[in-house]
Amino acid sequence: MPDRIDHAKRALRADLRERRQMQSESAREQAAHGLRRQLDELVERQGARSISCFLSTPSEPGTREFIDAAVGRGIRVLLPITRADGLLDWAVAVAGGDVTAGLTGSPEPVGEVLGPIAVNDVDLLLVPAAAVDRTGMRLGWGRGYFDKTLGSMEKCPPVYAVVFDSEFVDEVPRDVHDQPVTGIVTPTRTVTFSTSAPR
């Protein structure tokens, strides 16, 4: 059974990765502007003063415009730093801060490293995803960093996955360790799931 689930996940991730790479530069720019509006509104609705987010890769929904604007408004933004043990350290975002490639090749901040428990203080978590289904189950990219983080938090705040509109799907393959999310944010809408708010 786990092999079948694993195979289904790999196939879906490959399809989603290919679709992301086929997007035009102008479509990506337009998506980043829309995403910033949606994320700004979500942060305001939640009354969040401290959040976690992630530095987007060129093929992901663009988060950098939103992060810079949030920092400019005085919101504390924690950005993840990958560790060899599968956990995440964190650094506080600064406007125009230096960026380096992390263990997986994804962009990560350069700055003072805070340990994994730093994320326990945020009001809102914004996480990457390959896809999210209509029950709130999130399909990640297979490395498990965010599932481990969410699974280890004592009191988890609202968790929203950031995806493109086409990545909000009917169903994703799920395993026992997969963690649901509170909602999704796309370039055109924010959806909150009534049945799967994390613990």
N, C-alpha and C. Protein backbone atom coordinates (compact mmCIF):
# COMPACT_ATOMS: atom_id res chain seq x y z
N MET A 1 0.81 -1.22 0.00
CA MET A 1 0.00 0.00 0.00
C MET A 1 0.85 1.27 0.00
N PRO A 2 1.85 1.40 0.93
CA PRO A 2 2.66 2.62 0.91
C PRO A 2 3.35 2.84 -0.43
N ASP A 3 3.76 1.74 -1.11
CA ASP A 3 4.41 1.87 -2.42
C ASP A 3 3.47 2.49 -3.44
N ARG A 4 2.21 2.07 -3.40
CA ARG A 4 1.22 2.61 -4.34
C ARG A 4 1.01 4.11 -4.09
N ILE A 5 0.92 4.50 -2.81
CA ILE A 5 0.74 5.90 -2.46
C ILE A 5 1.96 6.71 -2.89
N ASP A 6 3.14 6.16 -2.61
CA ASP A 6 4.39 6.83 -2.97
C ASP A 6 4.49 7.05 -4.48
N HIS A 7 4.11 6.03 -5.23
CA HIS A 7 4.16 6.13 -6.70
C HIS A 7 3.17 7.20 -7.19
N ALA A 8 1.98 7.21 -6.61
CA ALA A 8 0.96 8.20 -7.01
C ALA A 8 1.44 9.62 -6.70
N LYS A 9 2.08 9.78 -5.54
CA LYS A 9 2.61 11.10 -5.18
C LYS A 9 3.69 11.55 -6.15
N ARG A 10 4.62 10.63 -6.46
CA ARG A 10 5.72 10.99 -7.37
C ARG A 10 5.20 11.40 -8.74
N ALA A 11 4.21 10.65 -9.24
CA ALA A 11 3.64 10.94 -10.55
C ALA A 11 2.95 12.31 -10.56
N LEU A 12 2.20 12.59 -9.50
CA LEU A 12 1.49 13.88 -9.42
C LEU A 12 2.49 15.03 -9.28
N ARG A 13 3.51 14.85 -8.45
CA ARG A 13 4.53 15.90 -8.31
C ARG A 13 5.21 16.19 -9.64
N ALA A 14 5.55 15.15 -10.38
CA ALA A 14 6.22 15.34 -11.67
C ALA A 14 5.35 16.14 -12.63
N ASP A 15 4.06 15.83 -12.65
CA ASP A 15 3.11 16.54 -13.51
C ASP A 15 3.01 18.02 -13.08
N LEU A 16 2.90 18.25 -11.78
CA LEU A 16 2.77 19.62 -11.27
C LEU A 16 4.04 20.42 -11.52
N ARG A 17 5.20 19.78 -11.34
CA ARG A 17 6.48 20.46 -11.56
C ARG A 17 6.60 20.90 -13.04
N GLU A 18 6.19 20.00 -13.94
CA GLU A 18 6.26 20.31 -15.37
C GLU A 18 5.32 21.47 -15.71
N ARG A 19 4.12 21.47 -15.13
CA ARG A 19 3.18 22.56 -15.40
C ARG A 19 3.72 23.90 -14.91
N ARG A 20 4.35 23.89 -13.74
CA ARG A 20 4.93 25.13 -13.21
C ARG A 20 6.03 25.65 -14.13
N GLN A 21 6.85 24.74 -14.64
CA GLN A 21 7.97 25.19 -15.48
C GLN A 21 7.51 25.73 -16.83
N MET A 22 6.30 25.38 -17.23
CA MET A 22 5.79 25.85 -18.53
C MET A 22 5.15 27.24 -18.46
N GLN A 23 5.02 27.79 -17.25
CA GLN A 23 4.39 29.11 -17.12
C GLN A 23 5.28 30.20 -17.71
N SER A 24 4.65 31.19 -18.33
CA SER A 24 5.40 32.32 -18.88
C SER A 24 5.82 33.28 -17.78
N GLU A 25 6.81 34.09 -18.08
CA GLU A 25 7.30 35.08 -17.12
C GLU A 25 6.19 36.06 -16.73
N SER A 26 5.40 36.48 -17.71
CA SER A 26 4.33 37.44 -17.41
C SER A 26 3.25 36.81 -16.54
N ALA A 27 2.96 35.52 -16.76
CA ALA A 27 1.97 34.83 -15.93
C ALA A 27 2.48 34.73 -14.49
N ARG A 28 3.76 34.50 -14.33
CA ARG A 28 4.34 34.41 -12.98
C ARG A 28 4.28 35.76 -12.27
N GLU A 29 4.59 36.83 -13.01
CA GLU A 29 4.53 38.18 -12.41
C GLU A 29 3.11 38.52 -11.98
N GLN A 30 2.17 38.22 -12.85
CA GLN A 30 0.77 38.49 -12.54
C GLN A 30 0.33 37.69 -11.31
N ALA A 31 0.77 36.42 -11.23
CA ALA A 31 0.44 35.57 -10.09
C ALA A 31 1.03 36.14 -8.80
N ALA A 32 2.27 36.64 -8.86
CA ALA A 32 2.92 37.20 -7.66
C ALA A 32 2.17 38.41 -7.15
N HIS A 33 1.69 39.28 -8.06
CA HIS A 33 0.92 40.46 -7.64
C HIS A 33 -0.39 40.04 -6.98
N GLY A 34 -1.08 39.08 -7.61
CA GLY A 34 -2.35 38.60 -7.05
C GLY A 34 -2.14 37.93 -5.70
N LEU A 35 -1.07 37.15 -5.60
CA LEU A 35 -0.78 36.45 -4.35
C LEU A 35 -0.49 37.45 -3.23
N ARG A 36 0.24 38.50 -3.56
CA ARG A 36 0.53 39.50 -2.52
C ARG A 36 -0.77 40.10 -1.97
N ARG A 37 -1.70 40.41 -2.85
CA ARG A 37 -2.99 40.97 -2.40
C ARG A 37 -3.71 39.99 -1.47
N GLN A 38 -3.77 38.73 -1.90
CA GLN A 38 -4.47 37.72 -1.09
C GLN A 38 -3.79 37.51 0.26
N LEU A 39 -2.46 37.45 0.27
CA LEU A 39 -1.72 37.23 1.51
C LEU A 39 -1.83 38.44 2.44
N ASP A 40 -1.76 39.65 1.87
CA ASP A 40 -1.92 40.86 2.68
C ASP A 40 -3.27 40.85 3.40
N GLU A 41 -4.31 40.49 2.65
CA GLU A 41 -5.66 40.47 3.22
C GLU A 41 -5.79 39.39 4.30
N LEU A 42 -5.17 38.22 4.07
CA LEU A 42 -5.23 37.14 5.05
C LEU A 42 -4.54 37.55 6.35
N VAL A 43 -3.34 38.14 6.24
CA VAL A 43 -2.60 38.58 7.43
C VAL A 43 -3.42 39.60 8.21
N GLU A 44 -4.06 40.51 7.48
CA GLU A 44 -4.88 41.53 8.14
C GLU A 44 -6.09 40.90 8.84
N ARG A 45 -6.78 39.99 8.15
CA ARG A 45 -7.95 39.32 8.75
C ARG A 45 -7.56 38.54 10.01
N GLN A 46 -6.39 37.90 9.96
CA GLN A 46 -5.93 37.10 11.10
C GLN A 46 -5.37 37.97 12.23
N GLY A 47 -5.10 39.24 11.92
CA GLY A 47 -4.48 40.11 12.92
C GLY A 47 -3.07 39.65 13.27
N ALA A 48 -2.40 39.00 12.32
CA ALA A 48 -1.08 38.41 12.59
C ALA A 48 0.01 39.47 12.66
N ARG A 49 0.81 39.40 13.71
CA ARG A 49 1.97 40.31 13.85
C ARG A 49 3.27 39.57 13.64
N SER A 50 3.22 38.24 13.69
CA SER A 50 4.40 37.40 13.47
C SER A 50 3.96 36.21 12.63
N ILE A 51 4.63 35.98 11.51
CA ILE A 51 4.24 34.91 10.60
C ILE A 51 5.47 34.14 10.15
N SER A 52 5.24 32.95 9.60
CA SER A 52 6.31 32.28 8.87
C SER A 52 5.90 32.25 7.41
N CYS A 53 6.90 32.33 6.53
CA CYS A 53 6.66 32.24 5.10
C CYS A 53 7.87 31.52 4.52
N PHE A 54 8.06 31.57 3.21
CA PHE A 54 9.20 30.93 2.57
C PHE A 54 9.60 31.76 1.36
N LEU A 55 10.89 31.72 1.02
CA LEU A 55 11.38 32.42 -0.16
C LEU A 55 11.07 31.54 -1.38
N SER A 56 10.24 32.04 -2.27
CA SER A 56 9.82 31.23 -3.42
C SER A 56 10.95 31.03 -4.42
N THR A 57 10.94 29.86 -5.06
CA THR A 57 11.83 29.59 -6.19
C THR A 57 11.20 30.24 -7.43
N PRO A 58 11.94 30.33 -8.54
CA PRO A 58 11.35 30.95 -9.74
C PRO A 58 10.07 30.28 -10.24
N SER A 59 9.90 28.97 -9.98
CA SER A 59 8.70 28.29 -10.50
C SER A 59 7.54 28.26 -9.50
N GLU A 60 7.77 28.69 -8.26
CA GLU A 60 6.71 28.69 -7.25
C GLU A 60 5.90 29.97 -7.32
N PRO A 61 4.70 29.97 -6.73
CA PRO A 61 3.97 31.23 -6.59
C PRO A 61 4.86 32.22 -5.84
N GLY A 62 5.02 33.42 -6.39
CA GLY A 62 6.01 34.36 -5.87
C GLY A 62 5.64 34.98 -4.53
N THR A 63 6.46 34.73 -3.51
CA THR A 63 6.18 35.26 -2.17
C THR A 63 7.04 36.47 -1.81
N ARG A 64 8.04 36.78 -2.60
CA ARG A 64 9.03 37.78 -2.16
C ARG A 64 8.46 39.19 -2.07
N GLU A 65 7.60 39.55 -3.00
CA GLU A 65 6.96 40.87 -2.97
C GLU A 65 6.15 41.02 -1.67
N PHE A 66 5.43 39.96 -1.33
CA PHE A 66 4.64 39.96 -0.10
C PHE A 66 5.54 40.08 1.14
N ILE A 67 6.62 39.29 1.17
CA ILE A 67 7.52 39.30 2.34
C ILE A 67 8.11 40.69 2.56
N ASP A 68 8.62 41.30 1.49
CA ASP A 68 9.21 42.65 1.62
C ASP A 68 8.19 43.65 2.14
N ALA A 69 6.96 43.57 1.62
CA ALA A 69 5.91 44.50 2.06
C ALA A 69 5.53 44.26 3.52
N ALA A 70 5.46 42.98 3.92
CA ALA A 70 5.11 42.65 5.31
C ALA A 70 6.18 43.16 6.27
N VAL A 71 7.45 42.95 5.92
CA VAL A 71 8.56 43.44 6.75
C VAL A 71 8.49 44.96 6.85
N GLY A 72 8.17 45.62 5.72
CA GLY A 72 8.05 47.07 5.69
C GLY A 72 6.93 47.59 6.59
N ARG A 73 5.90 46.75 6.82
CA ARG A 73 4.79 47.14 7.71
C ARG A 73 5.05 46.76 9.16
N GLY A 74 6.23 46.24 9.44
CA GLY A 74 6.57 45.91 10.82
C GLY A 74 6.14 44.52 11.27
N ILE A 75 5.76 43.66 10.33
CA ILE A 75 5.40 42.28 10.68
C ILE A 75 6.68 41.45 10.76
N ARG A 76 6.79 40.64 11.80
CA ARG A 76 7.95 39.77 11.94
C ARG A 76 7.72 38.53 11.07
N VAL A 77 8.63 38.31 10.12
CA VAL A 77 8.49 37.19 9.20
C VAL A 77 9.66 36.23 9.41
N LEU A 78 9.33 34.98 9.76
CA LEU A 78 10.36 33.95 9.89
C LEU A 78 10.45 33.16 8.59
N LEU A 79 11.68 32.92 8.13
CA LEU A 79 11.90 32.17 6.90
C LEU A 79 12.66 30.89 7.24
N PRO A 80 12.31 29.75 6.60
CA PRO A 80 12.92 28.48 6.96
C PRO A 80 14.32 28.29 6.40
N ILE A 81 15.12 27.55 7.18
CA ILE A 81 16.47 27.13 6.78
C ILE A 81 16.53 25.61 6.99
N THR A 82 16.81 24.86 5.93
CA THR A 82 16.81 23.40 6.03
C THR A 82 18.02 22.89 6.80
N ARG A 83 17.79 21.77 7.50
CA ARG A 83 18.85 21.11 8.26
C ARG A 83 18.99 19.67 7.78
N ALA A 84 20.17 19.10 7.99
CA ALA A 84 20.43 17.73 7.55
C ALA A 84 19.57 16.71 8.27
N ASP A 85 19.09 17.04 9.49
CA ASP A 85 18.28 16.08 10.25
C ASP A 85 16.80 16.13 9.89
N GLY A 86 16.44 16.93 8.86
CA GLY A 86 15.05 16.98 8.41
C GLY A 86 14.20 18.00 9.12
N LEU A 87 14.79 18.71 10.08
CA LEU A 87 14.06 19.78 10.76
C LEU A 87 14.35 21.12 10.09
N LEU A 88 13.65 22.15 10.52
CA LEU A 88 13.85 23.49 9.97
C LEU A 88 14.34 24.44 11.06
N ASP A 89 15.42 25.16 10.78
CA ASP A 89 15.78 26.33 11.56
C ASP A 89 15.05 27.51 10.93
N TRP A 90 15.17 28.69 11.55
CA TRP A 90 14.45 29.87 11.06
C TRP A 90 15.35 31.10 11.17
N ALA A 91 15.10 32.07 10.31
CA ALA A 91 15.77 33.37 10.40
C ALA A 91 14.73 34.46 10.17
N VAL A 92 14.92 35.59 10.81
CA VAL A 92 13.99 36.71 10.65
C VAL A 92 14.28 37.41 9.33
N ALA A 93 13.25 37.61 8.52
CA ALA A 93 13.42 38.27 7.22
C ALA A 93 13.77 39.73 7.41
N VAL A 94 14.69 40.21 6.58
CA VAL A 94 14.99 41.65 6.54
C VAL A 94 14.84 42.10 5.09
N ALA A 95 14.38 43.32 4.90
CA ALA A 95 14.19 43.84 3.54
C ALA A 95 15.52 43.82 2.80
N GLY A 96 15.51 43.23 1.62
CA GLY A 96 16.73 43.18 0.80
C GLY A 96 17.83 42.32 1.39
N GLY A 97 17.46 41.37 2.27
CA GLY A 97 18.46 40.51 2.92
C GLY A 97 19.12 39.56 1.93
N ASP A 98 20.32 39.10 2.31
CA ASP A 98 21.06 38.15 1.45
C ASP A 98 20.36 36.80 1.43
N VAL A 99 20.50 36.12 0.30
CA VAL A 99 19.88 34.81 0.09
C VAL A 99 20.94 33.84 -0.40
N THR A 100 20.84 32.60 0.06
CA THR A 100 21.76 31.56 -0.39
C THR A 100 20.96 30.32 -0.75
N ALA A 101 21.60 29.33 -1.37
CA ALA A 101 20.91 28.08 -1.69
C ALA A 101 21.00 27.14 -0.49
N GLY A 102 19.87 26.59 -0.07
CA GLY A 102 19.84 25.67 1.06
C GLY A 102 20.21 24.26 0.65
N LEU A 103 20.04 23.31 1.54
CA LEU A 103 20.41 21.91 1.29
C LEU A 103 19.70 21.32 0.08
N THR A 104 18.46 21.76 -0.16
CA THR A 104 17.69 21.21 -1.28
C THR A 104 17.82 22.08 -2.54
N GLY A 105 18.62 23.14 -2.45
CA GLY A 105 18.77 24.05 -3.59
C GLY A 105 17.79 25.20 -3.57
N SER A 106 16.83 25.18 -2.64
CA SER A 106 15.86 26.26 -2.55
C SER A 106 16.49 27.49 -1.89
N PRO A 107 15.98 28.69 -2.22
CA PRO A 107 16.54 29.90 -1.62
C PRO A 107 16.25 29.99 -0.13
N GLU A 108 17.26 30.38 0.64
CA GLU A 108 17.12 30.53 2.08
C GLU A 108 17.81 31.81 2.52
N PRO A 109 17.34 32.39 3.63
CA PRO A 109 17.93 33.65 4.09
C PRO A 109 19.31 33.44 4.72
N VAL A 110 20.12 34.48 4.66
CA VAL A 110 21.38 34.51 5.39
C VAL A 110 21.16 35.43 6.58
N GLY A 111 21.47 34.96 7.77
CA GLY A 111 21.25 35.79 8.95
C GLY A 111 21.37 34.95 10.20
N GLU A 112 21.03 35.54 11.33
CA GLU A 112 21.10 34.82 12.60
C GLU A 112 20.14 33.64 12.58
N VAL A 113 20.67 32.46 12.89
CA VAL A 113 19.86 31.24 12.83
C VAL A 113 19.17 31.00 14.17
N LEU A 114 17.83 30.87 14.09
CA LEU A 114 17.03 30.54 15.26
C LEU A 114 16.68 29.05 15.15
N GLY A 115 16.56 28.38 16.26
CA GLY A 115 16.28 26.95 16.25
C GLY A 115 14.86 26.61 15.82
N PRO A 116 14.55 25.31 15.70
CA PRO A 116 13.23 24.87 15.24
C PRO A 116 12.07 25.39 16.07
N ILE A 117 12.28 25.63 17.38
CA ILE A 117 11.13 26.04 18.20
C ILE A 117 10.75 27.50 18.01
N ALA A 118 11.56 28.26 17.29
CA ALA A 118 11.24 29.68 17.05
C ALA A 118 9.87 29.85 16.40
N VAL A 119 9.49 28.87 15.57
CA VAL A 119 8.23 28.97 14.82
C VAL A 119 7.01 28.83 15.74
N ASN A 120 7.21 28.35 16.96
CA ASN A 120 6.09 28.21 17.89
C ASN A 120 5.46 29.54 18.27
N ASP A 121 6.18 30.65 18.01
CA ASP A 121 5.68 31.97 18.40
C ASP A 121 4.89 32.69 17.32
N VAL A 122 4.73 32.10 16.13
CA VAL A 122 4.06 32.83 15.06
C VAL A 122 2.54 32.72 15.16
N ASP A 123 1.85 33.71 14.58
CA ASP A 123 0.39 33.74 14.57
C ASP A 123 -0.20 33.04 13.35
N LEU A 124 0.64 32.82 12.32
CA LEU A 124 0.16 32.30 11.04
C LEU A 124 1.33 31.66 10.31
N LEU A 125 1.10 30.46 9.77
CA LEU A 125 2.12 29.76 8.99
C LEU A 125 1.71 29.74 7.52
N LEU A 126 2.61 30.17 6.65
CA LEU A 126 2.40 30.11 5.20
C LEU A 126 3.42 29.12 4.65
N VAL A 127 2.95 28.03 4.07
CA VAL A 127 3.85 26.94 3.68
C VAL A 127 3.74 26.64 2.18
N PRO A 128 4.82 26.14 1.60
CA PRO A 128 4.76 25.73 0.20
C PRO A 128 4.01 24.42 0.06
N ALA A 129 3.55 24.12 -1.14
CA ALA A 129 2.89 22.84 -1.41
C ALA A 129 2.95 22.57 -2.91
N ALA A 130 2.85 21.30 -3.25
CA ALA A 130 2.71 20.94 -4.67
C ALA A 130 1.24 21.02 -5.05
N ALA A 131 0.37 20.61 -4.12
CA ALA A 131 -1.08 20.67 -4.35
C ALA A 131 -1.79 20.50 -3.01
N VAL A 132 -3.04 20.92 -2.98
CA VAL A 132 -3.90 20.74 -1.81
C VAL A 132 -5.27 20.30 -2.33
N ASP A 133 -5.87 19.33 -1.61
CA ASP A 133 -7.18 18.89 -2.08
C ASP A 133 -8.31 19.55 -1.29
N ARG A 134 -9.54 19.22 -1.65
CA ARG A 134 -10.71 19.92 -1.11
C ARG A 134 -11.01 19.57 0.34
N THR A 135 -10.30 18.59 0.90
CA THR A 135 -10.45 18.28 2.32
C THR A 135 -9.37 18.97 3.16
N GLY A 136 -8.43 19.66 2.48
CA GLY A 136 -7.35 20.33 3.21
C GLY A 136 -6.08 19.51 3.31
N MET A 137 -6.03 18.34 2.66
CA MET A 137 -4.79 17.56 2.68
C MET A 137 -3.78 18.20 1.73
N ARG A 138 -2.55 18.34 2.23
CA ARG A 138 -1.47 18.98 1.48
C ARG A 138 -0.51 17.93 0.93
N LEU A 139 -0.18 18.07 -0.34
CA LEU A 139 0.89 17.27 -0.95
C LEU A 139 2.12 18.15 -1.03
N GLY A 140 3.16 17.78 -0.29
CA GLY A 140 4.41 18.53 -0.35
C GLY A 140 5.29 18.01 -1.47
N TRP A 141 6.56 18.40 -1.42
CA TRP A 141 7.49 17.98 -2.48
C TRP A 141 8.30 16.75 -2.10
N GLY A 142 7.94 16.11 -0.97
CA GLY A 142 8.51 14.80 -0.68
C GLY A 142 9.65 14.77 0.31
N ARG A 143 10.02 15.91 0.84
CA ARG A 143 11.16 15.90 1.77
C ARG A 143 10.71 15.89 3.23
N GLY A 144 9.46 16.24 3.47
CA GLY A 144 8.88 16.09 4.81
C GLY A 144 9.18 17.19 5.81
N TYR A 145 9.89 18.25 5.39
CA TYR A 145 10.26 19.30 6.35
C TYR A 145 9.03 19.93 7.02
N PHE A 146 8.04 20.29 6.23
CA PHE A 146 6.89 20.99 6.81
C PHE A 146 5.94 20.04 7.53
N ASP A 147 5.82 18.79 7.06
CA ASP A 147 5.02 17.82 7.80
C ASP A 147 5.61 17.60 9.19
N LYS A 148 6.94 17.50 9.27
CA LYS A 148 7.60 17.32 10.58
C LYS A 148 7.38 18.54 11.46
N THR A 149 7.51 19.72 10.87
CA THR A 149 7.33 20.95 11.64
C THR A 149 5.91 21.04 12.19
N LEU A 150 4.93 20.83 11.33
CA LEU A 150 3.53 20.93 11.76
C LEU A 150 3.18 19.85 12.78
N GLY A 151 3.72 18.66 12.56
CA GLY A 151 3.42 17.54 13.45
C GLY A 151 4.04 17.70 14.83
N SER A 152 5.09 18.54 14.94
CA SER A 152 5.79 18.67 16.22
C SER A 152 5.34 19.90 17.02
N MET A 153 4.50 20.75 16.43
CA MET A 153 4.11 21.97 17.13
C MET A 153 3.05 21.67 18.21
N GLU A 154 3.29 22.20 19.41
CA GLU A 154 2.36 21.96 20.51
C GLU A 154 1.02 22.65 20.25
N LYS A 155 1.10 23.92 19.88
CA LYS A 155 -0.13 24.68 19.61
C LYS A 155 0.03 25.30 18.23
N CYS A 156 -0.57 24.66 17.25
CA CYS A 156 -0.36 25.08 15.87
C CYS A 156 -1.31 26.23 15.50
N PRO A 157 -0.78 27.35 15.01
CA PRO A 157 -1.65 28.43 14.54
C PRO A 157 -2.26 28.04 13.19
N PRO A 158 -3.09 28.88 12.60
CA PRO A 158 -3.60 28.57 11.27
C PRO A 158 -2.46 28.37 10.27
N VAL A 159 -2.62 27.36 9.40
CA VAL A 159 -1.62 27.02 8.39
C VAL A 159 -2.26 27.13 7.02
N TYR A 160 -1.71 27.99 6.17
CA TYR A 160 -2.22 28.15 4.81
C TYR A 160 -1.14 27.76 3.81
N ALA A 161 -1.49 26.89 2.88
CA ALA A 161 -0.57 26.48 1.82
C ALA A 161 -0.70 27.44 0.65
N VAL A 162 0.43 27.80 0.06
CA VAL A 162 0.47 28.74 -1.06
C VAL A 162 0.64 27.94 -2.35
N VAL A 163 -0.36 28.01 -3.23
CA VAL A 163 -0.35 27.24 -4.48
C VAL A 163 -0.93 28.07 -5.62
N PHE A 164 -0.70 27.61 -6.83
CA PHE A 164 -1.37 28.19 -7.98
C PHE A 164 -2.82 27.67 -8.01
N ASP A 165 -3.70 28.38 -8.70
CA ASP A 165 -5.11 28.00 -8.75
C ASP A 165 -5.30 26.56 -9.23
N SER A 166 -4.53 26.15 -10.22
CA SER A 166 -4.69 24.80 -10.80
C SER A 166 -4.23 23.70 -9.85
N GLU A 167 -3.57 24.08 -8.74
CA GLU A 167 -3.04 23.08 -7.81
C GLU A 167 -3.99 22.83 -6.62
N PHE A 168 -5.17 23.45 -6.68
CA PHE A 168 -6.25 23.15 -5.74
C PHE A 168 -7.07 22.07 -6.43
N VAL A 169 -6.92 20.81 -5.98
CA VAL A 169 -7.44 19.66 -6.72
C VAL A 169 -8.47 18.89 -5.89
N ASP A 170 -9.15 17.95 -6.55
CA ASP A 170 -10.19 17.17 -5.86
C ASP A 170 -9.60 16.27 -4.78
N GLU A 171 -8.47 15.64 -5.08
CA GLU A 171 -7.91 14.68 -4.13
C GLU A 171 -6.41 14.53 -4.35
N VAL A 172 -5.66 14.41 -3.26
CA VAL A 172 -4.23 14.09 -3.36
C VAL A 172 -3.98 12.78 -2.62
N PRO A 173 -2.97 12.00 -3.06
CA PRO A 173 -2.63 10.77 -2.33
C PRO A 173 -2.16 11.15 -0.93
N ARG A 174 -2.56 10.38 0.07
CA ARG A 174 -2.19 10.75 1.44
C ARG A 174 -1.60 9.57 2.19
N ASP A 175 -0.67 9.90 3.09
CA ASP A 175 -0.02 8.92 3.94
C ASP A 175 -0.31 9.30 5.39
N VAL A 176 0.03 8.42 6.32
CA VAL A 176 -0.32 8.68 7.72
C VAL A 176 0.37 9.92 8.30
N HIS A 177 1.58 10.23 7.82
CA HIS A 177 2.32 11.37 8.39
C HIS A 177 1.94 12.71 7.76
N ASP A 178 1.14 12.68 6.69
CA ASP A 178 0.78 13.92 6.00
C ASP A 178 -0.11 14.79 6.89
N GLN A 179 0.17 16.08 6.89
CA GLN A 179 -0.54 17.01 7.76
C GLN A 179 -1.52 17.87 6.95
N PRO A 180 -2.75 18.03 7.44
CA PRO A 180 -3.71 18.90 6.75
C PRO A 180 -3.38 20.37 7.00
N VAL A 181 -3.95 21.23 6.18
CA VAL A 181 -3.77 22.67 6.36
C VAL A 181 -5.13 23.31 6.65
N THR A 182 -5.08 24.51 7.20
CA THR A 182 -6.29 25.26 7.52
C THR A 182 -6.95 25.79 6.26
N GLY A 183 -6.10 26.15 5.26
CA GLY A 183 -6.64 26.72 4.04
C GLY A 183 -5.56 26.86 2.99
N ILE A 184 -5.94 27.44 1.87
CA ILE A 184 -4.98 27.70 0.78
C ILE A 184 -5.07 29.17 0.39
N VAL A 185 -3.96 29.65 -0.17
CA VAL A 185 -3.93 30.98 -0.77
C VAL A 185 -3.40 30.81 -2.18
N THR A 186 -4.16 31.29 -3.15
CA THR A 186 -3.74 31.27 -4.56
C THR A 186 -3.67 32.73 -5.03
N PRO A 187 -3.21 32.95 -6.25
CA PRO A 187 -3.19 34.33 -6.75
C PRO A 187 -4.56 34.98 -6.89
N THR A 188 -5.65 34.18 -6.87
CA THR A 188 -6.98 34.78 -7.07
C THR A 188 -7.92 34.61 -5.88
N ARG A 189 -7.58 33.75 -4.93
CA ARG A 189 -8.52 33.53 -3.82
C ARG A 189 -7.84 32.90 -2.61
N THR A 190 -8.55 33.02 -1.49
CA THR A 190 -8.14 32.36 -0.25
C THR A 190 -9.31 31.47 0.16
N VAL A 191 -9.02 30.21 0.44
CA VAL A 191 -10.07 29.26 0.84
C VAL A 191 -9.70 28.72 2.22
N THR A 192 -10.66 28.78 3.15
CA THR A 192 -10.47 28.20 4.48
C THR A 192 -11.35 26.96 4.57
N PHE A 193 -10.75 25.85 5.00
CA PHE A 193 -11.48 24.59 5.10
C PHE A 193 -12.14 24.50 6.47
N SER A 194 -13.41 24.16 6.49
CA SER A 194 -14.12 24.13 7.76
C SER A 194 -13.83 22.86 8.55
N THR A 195 -13.42 21.79 7.86
CA THR A 195 -13.33 20.50 8.56
C THR A 195 -11.92 20.09 8.94
N SER A 196 -10.88 20.78 8.45
CA SER A 196 -9.54 20.22 8.67
C SER A 196 -8.58 21.19 9.32
N ALA A 197 -9.09 22.14 10.10
CA ALA A 197 -8.19 23.05 10.77
C ALA A 197 -7.23 22.25 11.64
N PRO A 198 -5.91 22.51 11.52
CA PRO A 198 -4.96 21.72 12.30
C PRO A 198 -5.24 21.85 13.78
N ARG A 199 -4.96 20.78 14.45
CA ARG A 199 -5.05 20.62 15.90
C ARG A 199 -5.25 21.91 16.65
